[in-house]
């Protein structure tokens, strides 16, 4: 999100203080936390989403039918291009993850059985 950690932490604390979210440690973790919307937070999120949808609809109705078709055509093309440019990165991450898992299995299986000369 390109937001400094301190800013994000401050926002989360403020939202927790206001009762919009609940922050707690993830199961089996003493380091990682999760922020979950409370009922109050869900109501606020729904209201905000509804308001945004109203604004989007109002903006789209100011376009002609041809402009709307051009807009959606360009957005579809943009999305396709973004996917095309990110596929190599995604594949690299998947390959790196698989390599790490296989390497970990091999090391954990054989490291205790081999003698390494010093």
C-alpha atoms as a PDB file:
ATOM      1  CA  UNK A   1       0.000   0.000   0.000  1.00  0.00           C
ATOM      2  CA  UNK A   2       3.072   2.240   0.111  1.00  0.00           C
ATOM      3  CA  UNK A   3       2.088   3.581   3.527  1.00  0.00           C
ATOM      4  CA  UNK A   4       4.679   3.939   6.292  1.00  0.00           C
ATOM      5  CA  UNK A   5       4.271   1.281   9.001  1.00  0.00           C
ATOM      6  CA  UNK A   6       3.857   3.952  11.680  1.00  0.00           C
ATOM      7  CA  UNK A   7       0.973   5.583   9.794  1.00  0.00           C
ATOM      8  CA  UNK A   8      -0.770   2.263   9.252  1.00  0.00           C
ATOM      9  CA  UNK A   9      -0.259   1.312  12.913  1.00  0.00           C
ATOM     10  CA  UNK A  10      -1.652   4.663  14.021  1.00  0.00           C
ATOM     11  CA  UNK A  11      -4.732   4.273  11.796  1.00  0.00           C
ATOM     12  CA  UNK A  12      -5.359   0.731  13.024  1.00  0.00           C
ATOM     13  CA  UNK A  13      -5.087   1.832  16.675  1.00  0.00           C
ATOM     14  CA  UNK A  14      -7.493   4.692  16.015  1.00  0.00           C
ATOM     15  CA  UNK A  15      -9.992   2.354  14.307  1.00  0.00           C
ATOM     16  CA  UNK A  16      -9.674  -0.139  17.171  1.00  0.00           C
ATOM     17  CA  UNK A  17     -10.227   2.637  19.739  1.00  0.00           C
ATOM     18  CA  UNK A  18     -13.353   3.740  17.836  1.00  0.00           C
ATOM     19  CA  UNK A  19     -14.650   0.152  17.836  1.00  0.00           C
ATOM     20  CA  UNK A  20     -14.491  -0.286  14.048  1.00  0.00           C
ATOM     21  CA  UNK A  21     -12.006  -3.179  14.119  1.00  0.00           C
ATOM     22  CA  UNK A  22     -10.655  -5.779  16.507  1.00  0.00           C
ATOM     23  CA  UNK A  23      -6.933  -6.546  16.286  1.00  0.00           C
ATOM     24  CA  UNK A  24      -5.672  -9.833  17.672  1.00  0.00           C
ATOM     25  CA  UNK A  25      -2.839 -12.281  17.183  1.00  0.00           C
ATOM     26  CA  UNK A  26      -3.324 -14.972  14.565  1.00  0.00           C
ATOM     27  CA  UNK A  27      -3.752 -18.504  15.921  1.00  0.00           C
ATOM     28  CA  UNK A  28      -0.419 -20.183  16.710  1.00  0.00           C
ATOM     29  CA  UNK A  29       1.462 -16.895  16.286  1.00  0.00           C
ATOM     30  CA  UNK A  30       3.015 -14.499  18.755  1.00  0.00           C
ATOM     31  CA  UNK A  31       4.111 -12.118  16.027  1.00  0.00           C
ATOM     32  CA  UNK A  32       1.450 -11.804  13.298  1.00  0.00           C
ATOM     33  CA  UNK A  33      -1.835 -10.009  13.890  1.00  0.00           C
ATOM     34  CA  UNK A  34      -5.121  -9.742  12.003  1.00  0.00           C
ATOM     35  CA  UNK A  35      -7.538  -6.840  11.916  1.00  0.00           C
ATOM     36  CA  UNK A  36     -11.199  -7.844  11.651  1.00  0.00           C
ATOM     37  CA  UNK A  37     -14.151  -5.510  11.168  1.00  0.00           C
ATOM     38  CA  UNK A  38     -16.565  -5.366  14.078  1.00  0.00           C
ATOM     39  CA  UNK A  39     -20.328  -5.096  13.528  1.00  0.00           C
ATOM     40  CA  UNK A  40     -19.983  -1.295  13.757  1.00  0.00           C
ATOM     41  CA  UNK A  41     -17.135  -1.417  11.227  1.00  0.00           C
ATOM     42  CA  UNK A  42     -19.201  -3.570   8.846  1.00  0.00           C
ATOM     43  CA  UNK A  43     -22.080  -1.074   8.983  1.00  0.00           C
ATOM     44  CA  UNK A  44     -19.695   1.771   8.225  1.00  0.00           C
ATOM     45  CA  UNK A  45     -18.051  -0.189   5.368  1.00  0.00           C
ATOM     46  CA  UNK A  46     -21.445  -0.976   3.818  1.00  0.00           C
ATOM     47  CA  UNK A  47     -22.503   2.660   4.058  1.00  0.00           C
ATOM     48  CA  UNK A  48     -19.245   3.813   2.469  1.00  0.00           C
ATOM     49  CA  UNK A  49     -19.483   1.205  -0.303  1.00  0.00           C
ATOM     50  CA  UNK A  50     -23.084   2.247  -0.992  1.00  0.00           C
ATOM     51  CA  UNK A  51     -22.065   5.891  -1.179  1.00  0.00           C
ATOM     52  CA  UNK A  52     -19.193   5.085  -3.550  1.00  0.00           C
ATOM     53  CA  UNK A  53     -21.523   3.046  -5.749  1.00  0.00           C
ATOM     54  CA  UNK A  54     -23.920   5.997  -5.899  1.00  0.00           C
ATOM     55  CA  UNK A  55     -21.075   8.332  -6.954  1.00  0.00           C
ATOM     56  CA  UNK A  56     -19.879   5.885  -9.615  1.00  0.00           C
ATOM     57  CA  UNK A  57     -23.392   5.524 -11.023  1.00  0.00           C
ATOM     58  CA  UNK A  58     -23.836   9.287 -11.092  1.00  0.00           C
ATOM     59  CA  UNK A  59     -20.499   9.729 -12.871  1.00  0.00           C
ATOM     60  CA  UNK A  60     -21.307   7.023 -15.436  1.00  0.00           C
ATOM     61  CA  UNK A  61     -24.727   8.509 -16.213  1.00  0.00           C
ATOM     62  CA  UNK A  62     -22.975  11.723 -17.266  1.00  0.00           C
ATOM     63  CA  UNK A  63     -21.257   9.754 -20.080  1.00  0.00           C
ATOM     64  CA  UNK A  64     -22.867   8.929 -23.408  1.00  0.00           C
ATOM     65  CA  UNK A  65     -23.424   5.253 -24.256  1.00  0.00           C
ATOM     66  CA  UNK A  66     -20.455   5.396 -26.639  1.00  0.00           C
ATOM     67  CA  UNK A  67     -18.207   6.899 -23.933  1.00  0.00           C
ATOM     68  CA  UNK A  68     -19.239   4.181 -21.469  1.00  0.00           C
ATOM     69  CA  UNK A  69     -18.406   1.486 -24.048  1.00  0.00           C
ATOM     70  CA  UNK A  70     -15.014   3.110 -24.724  1.00  0.00           C
ATOM     71  CA  UNK A  71     -14.302   3.392 -20.981  1.00  0.00           C
ATOM     72  CA  UNK A  72     -15.070  -0.269 -20.298  1.00  0.00           C
ATOM     73  CA  UNK A  73     -13.170  -1.357 -23.383  1.00  0.00           C
ATOM     74  CA  UNK A  74     -10.090   0.581 -22.208  1.00  0.00           C
ATOM     75  CA  UNK A  75     -10.434  -0.762 -18.648  1.00  0.00           C
ATOM     76  CA  UNK A  76     -10.629  -4.320 -19.983  1.00  0.00           C
ATOM     77  CA  UNK A  77      -7.559  -3.742 -22.144  1.00  0.00           C
ATOM     78  CA  UNK A  78      -5.718  -2.167 -19.192  1.00  0.00           C
ATOM     79  CA  UNK A  79      -6.568  -5.148 -16.974  1.00  0.00           C
ATOM     80  CA  UNK A  80      -5.392  -7.598 -19.647  1.00  0.00           C
ATOM     81  CA  UNK A  81      -2.109  -5.717 -20.033  1.00  0.00           C
ATOM     82  CA  UNK A  82      -1.548  -5.582 -16.270  1.00  0.00           C
ATOM     83  CA  UNK A  83      -2.098  -9.334 -16.031  1.00  0.00           C
ATOM     84  CA  UNK A  84       0.253  -9.918 -18.959  1.00  0.00           C
ATOM     85  CA  UNK A  85       2.997  -7.851 -17.303  1.00  0.00           C
ATOM     86  CA  UNK A  86       2.575  -9.431 -13.878  1.00  0.00           C
ATOM     87  CA  UNK A  87       2.479 -13.092 -14.965  1.00  0.00           C
ATOM     88  CA  UNK A  88       6.311 -13.402 -15.048  1.00  0.00           C
ATOM     89  CA  UNK A  89       6.517 -12.062 -11.487  1.00  0.00           C
ATOM     90  CA  UNK A  90       3.768 -14.394 -10.297  1.00  0.00           C
ATOM     91  CA  UNK A  91       5.452 -17.391 -11.945  1.00  0.00           C
ATOM     92  CA  UNK A  92       8.803 -16.419 -10.436  1.00  0.00           C
ATOM     93  CA  UNK A  93       7.225 -16.278  -6.975  1.00  0.00           C
ATOM     94  CA  UNK A  94       5.562 -19.676  -7.452  1.00  0.00           C
ATOM     95  CA  UNK A  95       8.796 -21.282  -8.700  1.00  0.00           C
ATOM     96  CA  UNK A  96      10.768 -19.714  -5.827  1.00  0.00           C
ATOM     97  CA  UNK A  97       8.229 -20.995  -3.301  1.00  0.00           C
ATOM     98  CA  UNK A  98       8.254 -24.520  -4.715  1.00  0.00           C
ATOM     99  CA  UNK A  99      12.067 -24.475  -4.777  1.00  0.00           C
ATOM    100  CA  UNK A 100      12.139 -23.346  -1.131  1.00  0.00           C
ATOM    101  CA  UNK A 101       9.778 -26.132  -0.091  1.00  0.00           C
ATOM    102  CA  UNK A 102      11.678 -28.831  -1.995  1.00  0.00           C
ATOM    103  CA  UNK A 103      15.017 -27.508  -0.749  1.00  0.00           C
ATOM    104  CA  UNK A 104      13.702 -27.508   2.827  1.00  0.00           C
ATOM    105  CA  UNK A 105      12.494 -31.092   2.505  1.00  0.00           C
ATOM    106  CA  UNK A 106      15.817 -32.247   1.059  1.00  0.00           C
ATOM    107  CA  UNK A 107      17.867 -30.442   3.702  1.00  0.00           C
ATOM    108  CA  UNK A 108      15.681 -31.612   6.590  1.00  0.00           C
ATOM    109  CA  UNK A 109      15.813 -35.191   5.283  1.00  0.00           C
ATOM    110  CA  UNK A 110      19.560 -35.458   4.672  1.00  0.00           C
ATOM    111  CA  UNK A 111      21.284 -32.938   6.928  1.00  0.00           C
ATOM    112  CA  UNK A 112      21.242 -35.250   9.942  1.00  0.00           C
ATOM    113  CA  UNK A 113      22.527 -38.222   7.945  1.00  0.00           C
ATOM    114  CA  UNK A 114      25.574 -36.637   6.366  1.00  0.00           C
ATOM    115  CA  UNK A 115      28.892 -35.778   7.960  1.00  0.00           C
ATOM    116  CA  UNK A 116      30.359 -32.499   6.747  1.00  0.00           C
ATOM    117  CA  UNK A 117      34.162 -32.282   7.020  1.00  0.00           C
ATOM    118  CA  UNK A 118      35.400 -29.096   8.684  1.00  0.00           C
END
